[in-house]
C-alpha atoms as a PDB file:
ATOM      1  CA  MET A   1     -24.308  -6.279   7.198  1.00  0.00           C
ATOM      2  CA  ALA A   2     -22.749  -6.233   3.727  1.00  0.00           C
ATOM      3  CA  VAL A   3     -20.714  -9.183   2.459  1.00  0.00           C
ATOM      4  CA  PHE A   4     -17.560  -7.051   2.766  1.00  0.00           C
ATOM      5  CA  GLU A   5     -17.111  -3.598   4.277  1.00  0.00           C
ATOM      6  CA  LEU A   6     -13.850  -1.675   3.945  1.00  0.00           C
ATOM      7  CA  LEU A   7     -13.409   0.363   7.134  1.00  0.00           C
ATOM      8  CA  ASP A   8     -10.001   1.996   6.822  1.00  0.00           C
ATOM      9  CA  VAL A   9      -7.029   2.451   4.500  1.00  0.00           C
ATOM     10  CA  THR A  10      -3.930   3.822   6.209  1.00  0.00           C
ATOM     11  CA  LEU A  11      -0.457   4.487   4.840  1.00  0.00           C
ATOM     12  CA  VAL A  12       2.356   3.570   7.241  1.00  0.00           C
ATOM     13  CA  SER A  13       5.818   4.979   6.549  1.00  0.00           C
ATOM     14  CA  ASP A  14       9.269   5.659   7.908  1.00  0.00           C
ATOM     15  CA  ALA A  15       8.872   9.243   6.662  1.00  0.00           C
ATOM     16  CA  PHE A  16       5.530  10.230   8.237  1.00  0.00           C
ATOM     17  CA  ASP A  17       4.346   7.428  10.585  1.00  0.00           C
ATOM     18  CA  ARG A  18       0.603   6.847   9.802  1.00  0.00           C
ATOM     19  CA  LEU A  19      -1.745   8.637   7.416  1.00  0.00           C
ATOM     20  CA  ALA A  20      -5.432   7.596   7.216  1.00  0.00           C
ATOM     21  CA  LEU A  21      -6.931   8.026   3.756  1.00  0.00           C
ATOM     22  CA  PRO A  22     -10.571   9.128   3.412  1.00  0.00           C
ATOM     23  CA  LEU A  23     -12.856   6.473   1.931  1.00  0.00           C
ATOM     24  CA  ASP A  24     -15.516   8.821   0.629  1.00  0.00           C
ATOM     25  CA  PRO A  25     -15.215   9.764  -3.055  1.00  0.00           C
ATOM     26  CA  ASP A  26     -14.458  13.466  -3.397  1.00  0.00           C
ATOM     27  CA  PRO A  27     -13.445  14.742  -6.847  1.00  0.00           C
ATOM     28  CA  ASP A  28     -12.111  17.968  -5.304  1.00  0.00           C
ATOM     29  CA  ARG A  29      -9.739  16.133  -2.942  1.00  0.00           C
ATOM     30  CA  GLY A  30      -6.128  16.802  -3.832  1.00  0.00           C
ATOM     31  CA  PRO A  31      -3.424  14.145  -4.028  1.00  0.00           C
ATOM     32  CA  VAL A  32      -1.567  12.832  -0.992  1.00  0.00           C
ATOM     33  CA  ASP A  33       2.093  13.917  -1.078  1.00  0.00           C
ATOM     34  CA  LEU A  34       4.648  11.121  -0.514  1.00  0.00           C
ATOM     35  CA  PRO A  35       8.361  11.904  -0.319  1.00  0.00           C
ATOM     36  CA  GLU A  36      10.528  10.184  -2.909  1.00  0.00           C
ATOM     37  CA  GLY A  37      12.428   7.241  -1.458  1.00  0.00           C
ATOM     38  CA  ALA A  38      10.048   6.819   1.496  1.00  0.00           C
ATOM     39  CA  VAL A  39       9.238   3.263   2.553  1.00  0.00           C
ATOM     40  CA  VAL A  40       5.439   2.914   2.620  1.00  0.00           C
ATOM     41  CA  SER A  41       3.070   0.068   3.420  1.00  0.00           C
ATOM     42  CA  VAL A  42      -0.720  -0.056   3.310  1.00  0.00           C
ATOM     43  CA  SER A  43      -2.780  -1.076   6.322  1.00  0.00           C
ATOM     44  CA  LEU A  44      -6.306  -2.303   5.555  1.00  0.00           C
ATOM     45  CA  SER A  45      -9.173  -2.755   8.005  1.00  0.00           C
ATOM     46  CA  PHE A  46     -12.456  -4.453   7.068  1.00  0.00           C
ATOM     47  CA  ASN A  47     -15.501  -6.392   8.276  1.00  0.00           C
ATOM     48  CA  VAL A  48     -16.829  -9.558   6.668  1.00  0.00           C
ATOM     49  CA  GLY A  49     -20.581 -10.265   6.635  1.00  0.00           C
ATOM     50  CA  GLU A  50     -20.359 -13.912   5.543  1.00  0.00           C
ATOM     51  CA  GLU A  51     -17.623 -16.521   5.349  1.00  0.00           C
ATOM     52  CA  LEU A  52     -15.329 -15.747   2.402  1.00  0.00           C
ATOM     53  CA  ARG A  53     -12.742 -17.977   0.723  1.00  0.00           C
ATOM     54  CA  GLY A  54      -9.765 -16.953  -1.368  1.00  0.00           C
ATOM     55  CA  VAL A  55      -9.842 -13.228  -0.665  1.00  0.00           C
ATOM     56  CA  THR A  56      -7.223 -11.323  -2.660  1.00  0.00           C
ATOM     57  CA  PHE A  57      -6.174  -7.689  -2.746  1.00  0.00           C
ATOM     58  CA  GLU A  58      -4.917  -6.370  -6.075  1.00  0.00           C
ATOM     59  CA  GLU A  59      -3.263  -2.979  -6.351  1.00  0.00           C
ATOM     60  CA  GLU A  60      -2.558  -1.144  -9.577  1.00  0.00           C
ATOM     61  CA  ARG A  61      -0.597   2.105  -9.875  1.00  0.00           C
ATOM     62  CA  ARG A  62      -0.992   4.272 -12.966  1.00  0.00           C
ATOM     63  CA  ARG A  63       0.867   7.321 -14.176  1.00  0.00           C
ATOM     64  CA  TYR A  64      -0.408   9.251 -17.199  1.00  0.00           C
ATOM     65  CA  GLY A  65      -2.937   6.423 -17.695  1.00  0.00           C
ATOM     66  CA  VAL A  66      -0.242   3.742 -18.026  1.00  0.00           C
ATOM     67  CA  VAL A  67       0.102   0.913 -15.485  1.00  0.00           C
ATOM     68  CA  VAL A  68       3.532   1.278 -13.853  1.00  0.00           C
ATOM     69  CA  ALA A  69       3.106  -1.316 -11.089  1.00  0.00           C
ATOM     70  CA  ALA A  70       0.660  -4.060 -10.168  1.00  0.00           C
ATOM     71  CA  THR A  71       0.687  -6.390  -7.170  1.00  0.00           C
ATOM     72  CA  ARG A  72      -1.569  -9.196  -5.997  1.00  0.00           C
ATOM     73  CA  HIS A  73      -1.751 -10.321  -2.371  1.00  0.00           C
ATOM     74  CA  VAL A  74      -3.604 -13.519  -1.479  1.00  0.00           C
ATOM     75  CA  LEU A  75      -5.149 -12.821   1.927  1.00  0.00           C
ATOM     76  CA  GLY A  76      -6.925 -16.160   2.456  1.00  0.00           C
ATOM     77  CA  GLY A  77     -10.264 -17.027   4.002  1.00  0.00           C
ATOM     78  CA  PHE A  78     -12.207 -15.076   6.621  1.00  0.00           C
ATOM     79  CA  ARG A  79     -15.094 -15.958   8.917  1.00  0.00           C
ATOM     80  CA  ALA A  80     -17.972 -13.530   9.308  1.00  0.00           C
ATOM     81  CA  GLY A  81     -17.014 -10.774  11.734  1.00  0.00           C
ATOM     82  CA  GLY A  82     -14.150  -8.450  12.234  1.00  0.00           C
ATOM     83  CA  PRO A  83     -12.747  -5.972  12.139  1.00  0.00           C
ATOM     84  CA  TYR A  84      -9.774  -7.615  10.469  1.00  0.00           C
ATOM     85  CA  GLU A  85      -6.610  -5.536  10.027  1.00  0.00           C
ATOM     86  CA  LEU A  86      -3.802  -6.443   7.658  1.00  0.00           C
ATOM     87  CA  GLN A  87      -0.609  -4.613   6.789  1.00  0.00           C
ATOM     88  CA  LEU A  88       0.793  -5.275   3.323  1.00  0.00           C
ATOM     89  CA  PRO A  89       4.551  -5.527   2.655  1.00  0.00           C
ATOM     90  CA  ALA A  90       6.367  -2.193   2.458  1.00  0.00           C
ATOM     91  CA  VAL A  91       7.610  -0.741  -0.823  1.00  0.00           C
ATOM     92  CA  ARG A  92      10.056   2.075  -1.431  1.00  0.00           C
ATOM     93  CA  MET A  93       8.738   5.018  -3.436  1.00  0.00           C
ATOM     94  CA  PRO A  94      10.806   5.767  -6.558  1.00  0.00           C
ATOM     95  CA  VAL A  95      13.668   8.251  -6.330  1.00  0.00           C
ATOM     96  CA  GLY A  96      14.583  10.926  -8.859  1.00  0.00           C
ATOM     97  CA  ARG A  97      12.888  13.905 -10.399  1.00  0.00           C
ATOM     98  CA  ALA A  98      11.741  11.855 -13.412  1.00  0.00           C
ATOM     99  CA  ASN A  99       9.610   9.745 -11.036  1.00  0.00           C
ATOM    100  CA  CYS A 100       8.088  12.695  -9.206  1.00  0.00           C
ATOM    101  CA  GLY A 101       4.509  13.556 -10.033  1.00  0.00           C
ATOM    102  CA  ALA A 102       0.960  12.241  -9.739  1.00  0.00           C
ATOM    103  CA  TYR A 103      -0.048   8.566  -9.650  1.00  0.00           C
ATOM    104  CA  VAL A 104      -3.441   6.893  -9.222  1.00  0.00           C
ATOM    105  CA  ALA A 105      -3.478   3.808  -6.983  1.00  0.00           C
ATOM    106  CA  THR A 106      -6.492   1.509  -7.178  1.00  0.00           C
ATOM    107  CA  GLY A 107      -7.014  -1.361  -4.757  1.00  0.00           C
ATOM    108  CA  ARG A 108      -9.553  -4.115  -5.360  1.00  0.00           C
ATOM    109  CA  PHE A 109     -10.715  -6.976  -3.131  1.00  0.00           C
ATOM    110  CA  THR A 110     -12.071 -10.142  -4.765  1.00  0.00           C
ATOM    111  CA  ASP A 111     -13.071 -13.583  -3.480  1.00  0.00           C
ATOM    112  CA  ALA A 112     -12.377 -17.101  -4.821  1.00  0.00           C
ATOM    113  CA  GLU A 113     -15.353 -16.868  -7.203  1.00  0.00           C
ATOM    114  CA  GLY A 114     -14.006 -13.642  -8.724  1.00  0.00           C
ATOM    115  CA  ARG A 115     -16.667 -11.436  -7.109  1.00  0.00           C
ATOM    116  CA  GLU A 116     -15.480  -7.890  -6.547  1.00  0.00           C
ATOM    117  CA  LEU A 117     -15.980  -7.142  -2.854  1.00  0.00           C
ATOM    118  CA  ALA A 118     -14.643  -3.580  -2.719  1.00  0.00           C
ATOM    119  CA  ARG A 119     -12.666  -1.077  -4.792  1.00  0.00           C
ATOM    120  CA  GLU A 120     -10.921   2.094  -3.664  1.00  0.00           C
ATOM    121  CA  SER A 121      -8.820   4.638  -5.604  1.00  0.00           C
ATOM    122  CA  HIS A 122      -6.560   7.420  -4.402  1.00  0.00           C
ATOM    123  CA  THR A 123      -4.274   9.916  -6.084  1.00  0.00           C
ATOM    124  CA  PHE A 124      -0.829  10.459  -4.652  1.00  0.00           C
ATOM    125  CA  ARG A 125       2.074  12.612  -5.698  1.00  0.00           C
ATOM    126  CA  ILE A 126       5.731  11.723  -5.233  1.00  0.00           C
ATOM    127  CA  VAL A 127       7.565  14.884  -4.244  1.00  0.00           C
ATOM    128  CA  HIS A 128      11.293  15.613  -4.504  1.00  0.00           C
ATOM    129  CA  ARG A 129      13.395  15.757  -1.346  1.00  0.00           C
ATOM    130  CA  PRO A 130      16.375  18.081  -1.195  1.00  0.00           C
ATOM    131  CA  PRO A 131      19.777  16.303  -1.057  1.00  0.00           C
ATOM    132  CA  GLY A 132      20.560  14.984   2.414  1.00  0.00           C
ATOM    133  CA  GLU A 133      16.901  14.258   3.247  1.00  0.00           C
ATOM    134  CA  THR A 134      16.769  10.935   1.400  1.00  0.00           C
ATOM    135  CA  PRO A 135      16.202   8.085   3.877  1.00  0.00           C
ATOM    136  CA  ALA A 136      18.825   5.433   4.505  1.00  0.00           C
ATOM    137  CA  PRO A 137      18.610   2.216   2.460  1.00  0.00           C
ATOM    138  CA  HIS A 138      15.852  -0.187   3.494  1.00  0.00           C
ATOM    139  CA  HIS A 139      18.257  -3.123   4.018  1.00  0.00           C
ATOM    140  CA  ARG A 140      21.180  -3.330   6.412  1.00  0.00           C
ATOM    141  CA  HIS A 141      24.575  -4.863   5.743  1.00  0.00           C
ATOM    142  CA  ARG A 142      25.850  -7.292   8.376  1.00  0.00           C
ATOM    143  CA  ARG A 143      29.282  -8.738   8.786  1.00  0.00           C
ATOM    144  CA  SER A 144      29.435 -12.493   8.821  1.00  0.00           C
ATOM    145  CA  VAL A 145      30.634 -13.749  12.219  1.00  0.00           C
ATOM    146  CA  THR A 146      32.134 -16.815  10.552  1.00  0.00           C
ATOM    147  CA  ALA A 147      34.101 -14.726   8.056  1.00  0.00           C
ATOM    148  CA  ALA A 148      35.289 -12.356  10.790  1.00  0.00           C
ATOM    149  CA  SER A 149      36.570 -15.210  12.973  1.00  0.00           C
ATOM    150  CA  HIS A 150      38.872 -16.452  10.180  1.00  0.00           C
ATOM    151  CA  VAL A 151      40.598 -13.094   9.702  1.00  0.00           C
END
């Protein structure tokens, strides 16, 4: 068994439920369409062939070759085995026609020694939604019970 084996990358969203991304490199594969304003998180599944410390997942999103977003998630240590499945925090896709278009997202796993364990890249395209199809805000407003009792 390899030191680290990425088994699955799945997008989870309020707009389309779950979408498994192919892990095989295919230059003819078109981009994945994501609706603007959709809330999307990434679910990762992997096996570990030996005990690993300090595993991190770094994601970089590029548009026209320029980095527009980068995140780093410290995942921790893992014993040999698996499969392990983790779901990263959700992010809202940008809204507005200026943000629509193609992006390249690259994810990279490293360990505490800086060894690259796996790397995966995918192209996605943010597509415009007609007015009225934009999802509701991600957060909810709540009334304070204390403030309401003093009214």
